[in-house]
Amino acid sequence: MKTNEIERLAIKRAEGKIAFYTHLVIYIFVNIFLFVIWYFVSRGFPWFIFSLFGWGIGLITHFINAFSSTFVDRLVKKEYEKLKK
């Protein structure tokens, strides 16, 4: 790979990880806000769990997408080293 390609790939991966962390922070704050609304208004059925679980599934897939490339790269490197021996 050329230096420009490696730099572009590194930037793309870093942006993906930053996007995940931003998503995580927003998820935490919004769900805390929903919990507080539930706590002070109704305390009946915990309806905020729908947001926690539904949005949580999206957050998990975002995590996998952002960090799987690092995992895949490590596996490829291991296999490459095995085949070289």
Protein backbone atom coordinates (compact mmCIF):
# COMPACT_ATOMS: atom_id res chain seq x y z
CA MET A 1 0.00 0.00 0.00
CA LYS A 2 1.13 3.50 -0.70
CA THR A 3 1.50 6.07 2.04
CA ASN A 4 -1.52 8.04 0.80
CA GLU A 5 -3.71 4.94 0.84
CA ILE A 6 -2.58 4.02 4.34
CA GLU A 7 -3.19 7.57 5.57
CA ARG A 8 -6.67 7.64 4.00
CA LEU A 9 -7.50 4.28 5.57
CA ALA A 10 -6.24 5.43 8.98
CA ILE A 11 -8.30 8.62 8.76
CA LYS A 12 -11.41 6.66 7.77
CA ARG A 13 -10.99 4.23 10.68
CA ALA A 14 -10.32 7.04 13.17
CA GLU A 15 -13.42 8.91 11.97
CA GLY A 16 -15.48 5.73 12.39
CA LYS A 17 -14.28 5.32 15.97
CA ILE A 18 -14.92 8.98 16.78
CA ALA A 19 -18.43 8.63 15.32
CA PHE A 20 -19.04 5.60 17.56
CA TYR A 21 -17.90 7.43 20.70
CA THR A 22 -20.12 10.39 19.79
CA HIS A 23 -23.03 7.99 19.28
CA LEU A 24 -22.32 6.38 22.66
CA VAL A 25 -22.27 9.70 24.53
CA ILE A 26 -25.54 10.82 22.92
CA TYR A 27 -27.09 7.42 23.74
CA ILE A 28 -26.10 7.74 27.39
CA PHE A 29 -27.34 11.31 27.82
CA VAL A 30 -30.64 10.78 26.02
CA ASN A 31 -31.44 7.62 27.92
CA ILE A 32 -30.54 9.22 31.26
CA PHE A 33 -32.88 12.07 30.31
CA LEU A 34 -35.67 9.61 29.46
CA PHE A 35 -35.10 7.78 32.74
CA VAL A 36 -35.33 11.04 34.70
CA ILE A 37 -38.58 11.94 32.93
CA TRP A 38 -39.99 8.51 33.76
CA TYR A 39 -38.82 8.72 37.38
CA PHE A 40 -40.30 12.13 38.10
CA VAL A 41 -43.47 11.86 36.01
CA SER A 42 -44.92 8.39 36.19
CA ARG A 43 -42.84 5.65 37.85
CA GLY A 44 -45.29 3.24 36.30
CA PHE A 45 -44.31 0.93 33.51
CA PRO A 46 -40.64 1.61 32.65
CA TRP A 47 -41.25 2.67 29.04
CA PHE A 48 -37.70 4.02 28.70
CA ILE A 49 -36.43 0.45 28.33
CA PHE A 50 -37.70 0.39 24.74
CA SER A 51 -35.24 3.15 23.91
CA LEU A 52 -32.46 1.45 25.87
CA PHE A 53 -32.82 -1.87 24.10
CA GLY A 54 -33.85 -0.69 20.64
CA TRP A 55 -31.22 1.99 20.35
CA GLY A 56 -28.76 -0.30 22.15
CA ILE A 57 -28.98 -2.78 19.29
CA GLY A 58 -28.04 -0.01 16.87
CA LEU A 59 -25.20 1.05 19.14
CA ILE A 60 -23.84 -2.50 19.26
CA THR A 61 -23.87 -2.77 15.48
CA HIS A 62 -22.13 0.61 15.25
CA PHE A 63 -19.47 -0.68 17.68
CA ILE A 64 -18.93 -3.82 15.62
CA ASN A 65 -18.66 -1.79 12.44
CA ALA A 66 -16.20 0.71 13.97
CA PHE A 67 -13.91 -1.77 15.68
CA SER A 68 -14.14 -4.95 13.60
CA SER A 69 -11.59 -3.70 11.07
CA THR A 70 -8.91 -3.71 13.77
CA PHE A 71 -9.89 -7.23 14.78
CA VAL A 72 -9.89 -8.42 11.16
CA ASP A 73 -6.49 -6.85 10.54
CA ARG A 74 -5.03 -8.72 13.52
CA LEU A 75 -6.48 -12.02 12.28
CA VAL A 76 -5.13 -11.44 8.78
CA LYS A 77 -1.69 -10.62 10.18
CA LYS A 78 -1.69 -13.81 12.29
CA GLU A 79 -2.69 -15.95 9.31
CA TYR A 80 -0.08 -14.25 7.16
CA GLU A 81 2.61 -15.01 9.73
CA LYS A 82 1.47 -18.65 9.97
CA LEU A 83 1.63 -19.05 6.21
CA LYS A 84 5.07 -17.46 6.02
CA LYS A 85 6.45 -20.12 8.40
